[in-house]
């Protein structure tokens, strides 16, 4: 990988540009800001944004890209740090046409194993936001359950082994279990460093809540989960892996 000194330098003579940024405003600035991608890349360039941002922003950016004879697709990814390292990510693609989707698939399959065409621009973000709304609540449930089991006296590794083949089995309990030492190599086993940040799951839950309010959909569990992560973030732990919520619960809601 070769680092570039500017957007203009990075965007020269390329077929694809992949953006992976924390928040909506960061993507908007990188793509449509002064001197950004739309000012720097050539006609025909395809922009694949793998960030988790507002679907409304994705649609607006796609329109701006079209005006510059470029193509923008929302292609958010799922699988976390470990999925990125293993090139086993899942991509959810919002593309205006099947041809655009197939073109995006070429570069995305270099980073992941599953690529879905969700529909028009913005639907990839909708799928990702729904995914993260669900796992945001799952992590709280896993953290509470693991804390209950450990407190009552069962070995957490044995408990995880049982959960992995029982009805509560899920990606949260199996791959990124929040108890240190339970899953080798997981963020929890690395002092909650190098994982999916608390601040990012809080942001994603807020995106879900905002869309739920627009659609008049009840998202009470998302609001409950967001409050946990927001408190941890406000306590100065927003850069730690989201599994840190286990410590928050174990320590009687003390950050």
C-alpha atoms as a PDB file:
ATOM      1  CA  UNK A   1       0.000   0.000   0.000  1.00  0.00           C
ATOM      2  CA  UNK A   2       1.299   3.420  -0.920  1.00  0.00           C
ATOM      3  CA  UNK A   3       0.158   6.443   1.089  1.00  0.00           C
ATOM      4  CA  UNK A   4      -0.886   9.540  -0.859  1.00  0.00           C
ATOM      5  CA  UNK A   5      -0.371  13.112   0.240  1.00  0.00           C
ATOM      6  CA  UNK A   6      -3.735  14.458  -0.932  1.00  0.00           C
ATOM      7  CA  UNK A   7      -7.102  13.508  -2.402  1.00  0.00           C
ATOM      8  CA  UNK A   8      -5.912  14.705  -5.805  1.00  0.00           C
ATOM      9  CA  UNK A   9      -2.855  12.451  -5.673  1.00  0.00           C
ATOM     10  CA  UNK A  10      -4.830   9.433  -4.480  1.00  0.00           C
ATOM     11  CA  UNK A  11      -7.515   9.854  -7.143  1.00  0.00           C
ATOM     12  CA  UNK A  12      -5.286  10.059 -10.200  1.00  0.00           C
ATOM     13  CA  UNK A  13      -5.745   7.400 -12.891  1.00  0.00           C
ATOM     14  CA  UNK A  14      -7.802   4.967 -10.823  1.00  0.00           C
ATOM     15  CA  UNK A  15     -10.868   2.878 -11.676  1.00  0.00           C
ATOM     16  CA  UNK A  16     -12.137   2.571  -8.105  1.00  0.00           C
ATOM     17  CA  UNK A  17     -12.024   4.596  -4.919  1.00  0.00           C
ATOM     18  CA  UNK A  18     -13.012   2.924  -1.637  1.00  0.00           C
ATOM     19  CA  UNK A  19     -13.881   5.142   1.333  1.00  0.00           C
ATOM     20  CA  UNK A  20     -14.027   3.778   4.889  1.00  0.00           C
ATOM     21  CA  UNK A  21     -14.694   6.584   7.359  1.00  0.00           C
ATOM     22  CA  UNK A  22     -16.349   6.900  10.782  1.00  0.00           C
ATOM     23  CA  UNK A  23     -19.312   9.216  10.234  1.00  0.00           C
ATOM     24  CA  UNK A  24     -21.586  10.731   7.600  1.00  0.00           C
ATOM     25  CA  UNK A  25     -19.892  14.120   7.722  1.00  0.00           C
ATOM     26  CA  UNK A  26     -16.483  12.554   7.111  1.00  0.00           C
ATOM     27  CA  UNK A  27     -17.704  10.806   3.953  1.00  0.00           C
ATOM     28  CA  UNK A  28     -19.463  13.941   2.728  1.00  0.00           C
ATOM     29  CA  UNK A  29     -16.274  15.958   3.162  1.00  0.00           C
ATOM     30  CA  UNK A  30     -14.049  13.352   1.499  1.00  0.00           C
ATOM     31  CA  UNK A  31     -16.345  12.847  -1.483  1.00  0.00           C
ATOM     32  CA  UNK A  32     -17.990  16.211  -2.077  1.00  0.00           C
ATOM     33  CA  UNK A  33     -15.866  18.683  -0.107  1.00  0.00           C
ATOM     34  CA  UNK A  34     -13.603  21.238  -1.757  1.00  0.00           C
ATOM     35  CA  UNK A  35     -10.659  19.439  -3.323  1.00  0.00           C
ATOM     36  CA  UNK A  36     -12.226  16.078  -2.513  1.00  0.00           C
ATOM     37  CA  UNK A  37     -12.864  13.019  -4.649  1.00  0.00           C
ATOM     38  CA  UNK A  38     -15.446  14.567  -6.972  1.00  0.00           C
ATOM     39  CA  UNK A  39     -13.076  17.458  -7.630  1.00  0.00           C
ATOM     40  CA  UNK A  40     -10.099  15.191  -8.198  1.00  0.00           C
ATOM     41  CA  UNK A  41     -11.062  11.863  -9.809  1.00  0.00           C
ATOM     42  CA  UNK A  42     -11.613  11.265 -13.501  1.00  0.00           C
ATOM     43  CA  UNK A  43     -14.860  10.581 -15.320  1.00  0.00           C
ATOM     44  CA  UNK A  44     -16.115   7.039 -14.964  1.00  0.00           C
ATOM     45  CA  UNK A  45     -14.497   6.457 -11.578  1.00  0.00           C
ATOM     46  CA  UNK A  46     -16.545   4.233  -9.267  1.00  0.00           C
ATOM     47  CA  UNK A  47     -16.700   5.229  -5.594  1.00  0.00           C
ATOM     48  CA  UNK A  48     -17.533   2.423  -3.179  1.00  0.00           C
ATOM     49  CA  UNK A  49     -18.269   3.745   0.289  1.00  0.00           C
ATOM     50  CA  UNK A  50     -17.939   0.965   2.855  1.00  0.00           C
ATOM     51  CA  UNK A  51     -18.721   3.286   5.789  1.00  0.00           C
ATOM     52  CA  UNK A  52     -21.920   3.123   7.855  1.00  0.00           C
ATOM     53  CA  UNK A  53     -23.657   6.446   7.228  1.00  0.00           C
ATOM     54  CA  UNK A  54     -27.098   7.922   6.600  1.00  0.00           C
ATOM     55  CA  UNK A  55     -28.825   6.447   3.516  1.00  0.00           C
ATOM     56  CA  UNK A  56     -30.092   9.966   2.764  1.00  0.00           C
ATOM     57  CA  UNK A  57     -26.490  11.163   2.512  1.00  0.00           C
ATOM     58  CA  UNK A  58     -25.606   8.226   0.252  1.00  0.00           C
ATOM     59  CA  UNK A  59     -28.380   9.169  -2.161  1.00  0.00           C
ATOM     60  CA  UNK A  60     -27.278  12.801  -2.196  1.00  0.00           C
ATOM     61  CA  UNK A  61     -23.660  11.830  -2.850  1.00  0.00           C
ATOM     62  CA  UNK A  62     -24.726   9.486  -5.654  1.00  0.00           C
ATOM     63  CA  UNK A  63     -26.553  12.369  -7.345  1.00  0.00           C
ATOM     64  CA  UNK A  64     -23.468  14.576  -7.046  1.00  0.00           C
ATOM     65  CA  UNK A  65     -21.278  11.816  -8.455  1.00  0.00           C
ATOM     66  CA  UNK A  66     -23.614  11.338 -11.422  1.00  0.00           C
ATOM     67  CA  UNK A  67     -23.358  15.068 -12.172  1.00  0.00           C
ATOM     68  CA  UNK A  68     -19.572  14.587 -12.431  1.00  0.00           C
ATOM     69  CA  UNK A  69     -19.912  11.482 -14.635  1.00  0.00           C
ATOM     70  CA  UNK A  70     -18.823   9.214 -11.786  1.00  0.00           C
ATOM     71  CA  UNK A  71     -20.645   6.393 -10.004  1.00  0.00           C
ATOM     72  CA  UNK A  72     -21.234   6.267  -6.247  1.00  0.00           C
ATOM     73  CA  UNK A  73     -22.493   3.127  -4.503  1.00  0.00           C
ATOM     74  CA  UNK A  74     -23.113   2.622  -0.806  1.00  0.00           C
ATOM     75  CA  UNK A  75     -21.346  -0.638   0.038  1.00  0.00           C
ATOM     76  CA  UNK A  76     -21.162  -0.884   3.852  1.00  0.00           C
ATOM     77  CA  UNK A  77     -19.250  -3.823   5.284  1.00  0.00           C
ATOM     78  CA  UNK A  78     -19.855  -6.217   8.158  1.00  0.00           C
ATOM     79  CA  UNK A  79     -17.476  -8.606   9.868  1.00  0.00           C
ATOM     80  CA  UNK A  80     -15.386  -6.364  12.089  1.00  0.00           C
ATOM     81  CA  UNK A  81     -11.623  -6.146  12.443  1.00  0.00           C
ATOM     82  CA  UNK A  82     -11.225  -9.924  12.401  1.00  0.00           C
ATOM     83  CA  UNK A  83     -13.289 -10.193   9.213  1.00  0.00           C
ATOM     84  CA  UNK A  84     -11.162  -7.516   7.560  1.00  0.00           C
ATOM     85  CA  UNK A  85      -7.966  -9.323   8.515  1.00  0.00           C
ATOM     86  CA  UNK A  86      -9.305 -12.590   7.104  1.00  0.00           C
ATOM     87  CA  UNK A  87     -10.796 -10.950   3.960  1.00  0.00           C
ATOM     88  CA  UNK A  88     -14.125 -12.535   4.938  1.00  0.00           C
ATOM     89  CA  UNK A  89     -16.241  -9.383   5.152  1.00  0.00           C
ATOM     90  CA  UNK A  90     -19.843  -9.136   3.975  1.00  0.00           C
ATOM     91  CA  UNK A  91     -20.798  -6.179   1.761  1.00  0.00           C
ATOM     92  CA  UNK A  92     -24.314  -4.781   1.360  1.00  0.00           C
ATOM     93  CA  UNK A  93     -24.558  -2.809  -1.871  1.00  0.00           C
ATOM     94  CA  UNK A  94     -26.950  -0.061  -2.846  1.00  0.00           C
ATOM     95  CA  UNK A  95     -26.559   0.401  -6.610  1.00  0.00           C
ATOM     96  CA  UNK A  96     -28.814   2.051  -9.184  1.00  0.00           C
ATOM     97  CA  UNK A  97     -28.342  -0.693 -11.758  1.00  0.00           C
ATOM     98  CA  UNK A  98     -27.291  -4.324 -11.896  1.00  0.00           C
ATOM     99  CA  UNK A  99     -24.328  -3.264 -14.048  1.00  0.00           C
ATOM    100  CA  UNK A 100     -23.147  -0.881 -11.329  1.00  0.00           C
ATOM    101  CA  UNK A 101     -23.506  -3.652  -8.757  1.00  0.00           C
ATOM    102  CA  UNK A 102     -21.507  -6.108 -10.854  1.00  0.00           C
ATOM    103  CA  UNK A 103     -18.808  -3.510 -11.358  1.00  0.00           C
ATOM    104  CA  UNK A 104     -18.635  -2.825  -7.614  1.00  0.00           C
ATOM    105  CA  UNK A 105     -18.528  -6.550  -6.893  1.00  0.00           C
ATOM    106  CA  UNK A 106     -15.160  -6.820  -8.687  1.00  0.00           C
ATOM    107  CA  UNK A 107     -13.320  -4.757  -6.077  1.00  0.00           C
ATOM    108  CA  UNK A 108     -15.424  -5.790  -3.074  1.00  0.00           C
ATOM    109  CA  UNK A 109     -14.775  -9.500  -3.614  1.00  0.00           C
ATOM    110  CA  UNK A 110     -11.108  -8.747  -3.037  1.00  0.00           C
ATOM    111  CA  UNK A 111     -11.975  -7.858   0.555  1.00  0.00           C
ATOM    112  CA  UNK A 112     -14.869 -10.137   1.423  1.00  0.00           C
ATOM    113  CA  UNK A 113     -16.683 -13.399   0.778  1.00  0.00           C
ATOM    114  CA  UNK A 114     -20.310 -12.288   0.395  1.00  0.00           C
ATOM    115  CA  UNK A 115     -21.611  -9.361  -1.643  1.00  0.00           C
ATOM    116  CA  UNK A 116     -25.357  -8.602  -1.758  1.00  0.00           C
ATOM    117  CA  UNK A 117     -27.239  -6.263  -4.086  1.00  0.00           C
ATOM    118  CA  UNK A 118     -29.781  -4.765  -1.688  1.00  0.00           C
ATOM    119  CA  UNK A 119     -31.500  -2.489  -4.197  1.00  0.00           C
ATOM    120  CA  UNK A 120     -31.172   1.155  -5.182  1.00  0.00           C
ATOM    121  CA  UNK A 121     -28.754   3.659  -3.638  1.00  0.00           C
ATOM    122  CA  UNK A 122     -29.179   3.827   0.144  1.00  0.00           C
ATOM    123  CA  UNK A 123     -30.479   0.294   0.645  1.00  0.00           C
ATOM    124  CA  UNK A 124     -27.021  -1.023   1.484  1.00  0.00           C
ATOM    125  CA  UNK A 125     -26.887   1.448   4.359  1.00  0.00           C
ATOM    126  CA  UNK A 126     -30.367   0.450   5.472  1.00  0.00           C
ATOM    127  CA  UNK A 127     -29.299  -3.202   5.667  1.00  0.00           C
ATOM    128  CA  UNK A 128     -26.143  -2.312   7.601  1.00  0.00           C
ATOM    129  CA  UNK A 129     -27.948  -0.044  10.053  1.00  0.00           C
ATOM    130  CA  UNK A 130     -30.511  -2.782  10.755  1.00  0.00           C
ATOM    131  CA  UNK A 131     -27.644  -5.238  11.282  1.00  0.00           C
ATOM    132  CA  UNK A 132     -25.904  -2.962  13.761  1.00  0.00           C
ATOM    133  CA  UNK A 133     -29.135  -2.143  15.566  1.00  0.00           C
ATOM    134  CA  UNK A 134     -29.511  -5.874  16.223  1.00  0.00           C
ATOM    135  CA  UNK A 135     -25.908  -6.579  17.269  1.00  0.00           C
ATOM    136  CA  UNK A 136     -25.896  -3.478  19.477  1.00  0.00           C
ATOM    137  CA  UNK A 137     -28.606  -5.094  21.576  1.00  0.00           C
ATOM    138  CA  UNK A 138     -27.050  -8.555  21.296  1.00  0.00           C
ATOM    139  CA  UNK A 139     -23.806  -7.338  22.845  1.00  0.00           C
ATOM    140  CA  UNK A 140     -25.676  -5.994  25.865  1.00  0.00           C
ATOM    141  CA  UNK A 141     -27.514  -9.302  26.253  1.00  0.00           C
ATOM    142  CA  UNK A 142     -24.278 -11.279  25.889  1.00  0.00           C
ATOM    143  CA  UNK A 143     -22.445  -9.062  28.384  1.00  0.00           C
ATOM    144  CA  UNK A 144     -25.234  -9.390  30.951  1.00  0.00           C
ATOM    145  CA  UNK A 145     -25.489 -13.146  30.454  1.00  0.00           C
ATOM    146  CA  UNK A 146     -21.753 -13.776  30.630  1.00  0.00           C
ATOM    147  CA  UNK A 147     -21.507 -11.643  33.756  1.00  0.00           C
ATOM    148  CA  UNK A 148     -24.399 -13.553  35.333  1.00  0.00           C
ATOM    149  CA  UNK A 149     -22.829 -16.915  34.554  1.00  0.00           C
ATOM    150  CA  UNK A 150     -19.374 -15.948  35.806  1.00  0.00           C
ATOM    151  CA  UNK A 151     -20.794 -14.407  38.979  1.00  0.00           C
ATOM    152  CA  UNK A 152     -22.810 -17.545  39.701  1.00  0.00           C
ATOM    153  CA  UNK A 153     -19.702 -19.682  39.346  1.00  0.00           C
ATOM    154  CA  UNK A 154     -19.495 -21.224  35.873  1.00  0.00           C
ATOM    155  CA  UNK A 155     -16.206 -20.970  33.990  1.00  0.00           C
ATOM    156  CA  UNK A 156     -16.738 -18.353  31.224  1.00  0.00           C
ATOM    157  CA  UNK A 157     -14.826 -20.405  28.632  1.00  0.00           C
ATOM    158  CA  UNK A 158     -17.043 -23.408  29.324  1.00  0.00           C
ATOM    159  CA  UNK A 159     -20.122 -21.168  29.188  1.00  0.00           C
ATOM    160  CA  UNK A 160     -19.074 -19.752  25.810  1.00  0.00           C
ATOM    161  CA  UNK A 161     -18.466 -23.271  24.509  1.00  0.00           C
ATOM    162  CA  UNK A 162     -22.028 -24.203  25.494  1.00  0.00           C
ATOM    163  CA  UNK A 163     -23.566 -21.012  24.093  1.00  0.00           C
ATOM    164  CA  UNK A 164     -21.787 -21.557  20.757  1.00  0.00           C
ATOM    165  CA  UNK A 165     -23.855 -24.723  20.143  1.00  0.00           C
ATOM    166  CA  UNK A 166     -27.052 -23.615  21.879  1.00  0.00           C
ATOM    167  CA  UNK A 167     -29.976 -21.435  20.867  1.00  0.00           C
ATOM    168  CA  UNK A 168     -28.255 -18.217  21.960  1.00  0.00           C
ATOM    169  CA  UNK A 169     -25.373 -18.832  19.540  1.00  0.00           C
ATOM    170  CA  UNK A 170     -24.529 -15.708  17.539  1.00  0.00           C
ATOM    171  CA  UNK A 171     -21.557 -13.771  16.186  1.00  0.00           C
ATOM    172  CA  UNK A 172     -21.343 -11.727  19.393  1.00  0.00           C
ATOM    173  CA  UNK A 173     -21.080 -14.707  21.758  1.00  0.00           C
ATOM    174  CA  UNK A 174     -18.897 -16.772  19.431  1.00  0.00           C
ATOM    175  CA  UNK A 175     -16.465 -14.471  17.656  1.00  0.00           C
ATOM    176  CA  UNK A 176     -16.196 -11.344  19.757  1.00  0.00           C
ATOM    177  CA  UNK A 177     -17.244 -12.507  23.204  1.00  0.00           C
ATOM    178  CA  UNK A 178     -16.824  -9.551  25.592  1.00  0.00           C
ATOM    179  CA  UNK A 179     -15.175 -11.479  28.436  1.00  0.00           C
ATOM    180  CA  UNK A 180     -11.352 -11.262  28.418  1.00  0.00           C
ATOM    181  CA  UNK A 181      -9.599 -14.573  27.779  1.00  0.00           C
ATOM    182  CA  UNK A 182     -12.644 -16.395  26.444  1.00  0.00           C
ATOM    183  CA  UNK A 183     -11.930 -16.014  22.702  1.00  0.00           C
ATOM    184  CA  UNK A 184      -8.248 -15.961  21.787  1.00  0.00           C
ATOM    185  CA  UNK A 185      -7.306 -12.912  19.734  1.00  0.00           C
ATOM    186  CA  UNK A 186     -10.585 -11.103  20.328  1.00  0.00           C
ATOM    187  CA  UNK A 187     -10.531  -7.398  21.273  1.00  0.00           C
ATOM    188  CA  UNK A 188     -11.693  -8.290  24.802  1.00  0.00           C
ATOM    189  CA  UNK A 189      -8.574 -10.410  25.166  1.00  0.00           C
ATOM    190  CA  UNK A 190      -6.432  -7.439  24.079  1.00  0.00           C
ATOM    191  CA  UNK A 191      -7.686  -4.983  26.708  1.00  0.00           C
ATOM    192  CA  UNK A 192     -10.499  -3.996  24.336  1.00  0.00           C
ATOM    193  CA  UNK A 193      -8.040  -2.471  21.872  1.00  0.00           C
ATOM    194  CA  UNK A 194      -8.229  -2.705  18.080  1.00  0.00           C
ATOM    195  CA  UNK A 195     -11.889  -3.610  17.755  1.00  0.00           C
ATOM    196  CA  UNK A 196     -15.213  -2.019  16.843  1.00  0.00           C
ATOM    197  CA  UNK A 197     -15.261   1.152  18.890  1.00  0.00           C
ATOM    198  CA  UNK A 198     -17.919   2.014  21.453  1.00  0.00           C
ATOM    199  CA  UNK A 199     -18.305   5.406  19.763  1.00  0.00           C
ATOM    200  CA  UNK A 200     -19.103   3.760  16.425  1.00  0.00           C
ATOM    201  CA  UNK A 201     -21.811   1.407  17.693  1.00  0.00           C
ATOM    202  CA  UNK A 202     -23.329   4.365  19.553  1.00  0.00           C
ATOM    203  CA  UNK A 203     -23.314   6.355  16.305  1.00  0.00           C
ATOM    204  CA  UNK A 204     -24.887   3.482  14.362  1.00  0.00           C
ATOM    205  CA  UNK A 205     -27.630   3.072  16.941  1.00  0.00           C
ATOM    206  CA  UNK A 206     -28.369   6.781  16.700  1.00  0.00           C
ATOM    207  CA  UNK A 207     -28.678   6.403  12.921  1.00  0.00           C
ATOM    208  CA  UNK A 208     -31.152   3.553  13.454  1.00  0.00           C
ATOM    209  CA  UNK A 209     -33.151   5.543  15.988  1.00  0.00           C
ATOM    210  CA  UNK A 210     -33.329   8.550  13.664  1.00  0.00           C
ATOM    211  CA  UNK A 211     -34.565   6.417  10.769  1.00  0.00           C
ATOM    212  CA  UNK A 212     -37.014   4.684  13.087  1.00  0.00           C
ATOM    213  CA  UNK A 213     -38.441   8.019  14.153  1.00  0.00           C
ATOM    214  CA  UNK A 214     -38.868   9.011  10.495  1.00  0.00           C
ATOM    215  CA  UNK A 215     -40.636   5.739   9.692  1.00  0.00           C
ATOM    216  CA  UNK A 216     -42.678   5.690  12.919  1.00  0.00           C
ATOM    217  CA  UNK A 217     -41.086   2.348  13.926  1.00  0.00           C
ATOM    218  CA  UNK A 218     -40.642   1.457  17.584  1.00  0.00           C
ATOM    219  CA  UNK A 219     -36.966   1.094  18.477  1.00  0.00           C
ATOM    220  CA  UNK A 220     -37.095   1.055  22.273  1.00  0.00           C
ATOM    221  CA  UNK A 221     -34.386  -1.608  22.588  1.00  0.00           C
ATOM    222  CA  UNK A 222     -32.080   0.437  20.348  1.00  0.00           C
ATOM    223  CA  UNK A 223     -32.644   3.475  22.554  1.00  0.00           C
ATOM    224  CA  UNK A 224     -31.898   1.416  25.664  1.00  0.00           C
ATOM    225  CA  UNK A 225     -28.687   0.050  24.109  1.00  0.00           C
ATOM    226  CA  UNK A 226     -27.553   3.444  22.819  1.00  0.00           C
ATOM    227  CA  UNK A 227     -27.828   4.884  26.327  1.00  0.00           C
ATOM    228  CA  UNK A 228     -25.325   2.298  27.611  1.00  0.00           C
ATOM    229  CA  UNK A 229     -22.774   2.960  24.886  1.00  0.00           C
ATOM    230  CA  UNK A 230     -23.266   6.723  25.071  1.00  0.00           C
ATOM    231  CA  UNK A 231     -22.556   6.718  28.809  1.00  0.00           C
ATOM    232  CA  UNK A 232     -19.344   4.739  28.226  1.00  0.00           C
ATOM    233  CA  UNK A 233     -18.345   7.106  25.415  1.00  0.00           C
ATOM    234  CA  UNK A 234     -19.005  10.164  27.572  1.00  0.00           C
ATOM    235  CA  UNK A 235     -16.900   8.534  30.284  1.00  0.00           C
ATOM    236  CA  UNK A 236     -13.862   8.660  28.014  1.00  0.00           C
ATOM    237  CA  UNK A 237     -13.894   5.057  26.780  1.00  0.00           C
ATOM    238  CA  UNK A 238     -15.359   5.655  23.321  1.00  0.00           C
ATOM    239  CA  UNK A 239     -12.226   4.418  21.538  1.00  0.00           C
ATOM    240  CA  UNK A 240     -12.351   0.995  23.198  1.00  0.00           C
ATOM    241  CA  UNK A 241     -14.006  -2.037  21.659  1.00  0.00           C
ATOM    242  CA  UNK A 242     -17.773  -2.162  22.198  1.00  0.00           C
ATOM    243  CA  UNK A 243     -17.356  -5.349  24.253  1.00  0.00           C
ATOM    244  CA  UNK A 244     -16.182  -3.027  27.032  1.00  0.00           C
ATOM    245  CA  UNK A 245     -19.871  -2.814  27.911  1.00  0.00           C
ATOM    246  CA  UNK A 246     -19.215  -6.090  29.786  1.00  0.00           C
ATOM    247  CA  UNK A 247     -16.890  -4.231  32.170  1.00  0.00           C
ATOM    248  CA  UNK A 248     -19.455  -1.456  32.517  1.00  0.00           C
ATOM    249  CA  UNK A 249     -22.120  -3.960  33.522  1.00  0.00           C
ATOM    250  CA  UNK A 250     -19.762  -6.022  35.749  1.00  0.00           C
ATOM    251  CA  UNK A 251     -18.685  -2.878  37.588  1.00  0.00           C
ATOM    252  CA  UNK A 252     -22.278  -1.892  38.377  1.00  0.00           C
ATOM    253  CA  UNK A 253     -22.471   0.723  35.602  1.00  0.00           C
ATOM    254  CA  UNK A 254     -19.241   2.474  36.488  1.00  0.00           C
ATOM    255  CA  UNK A 255     -17.128   3.511  33.496  1.00  0.00           C
END
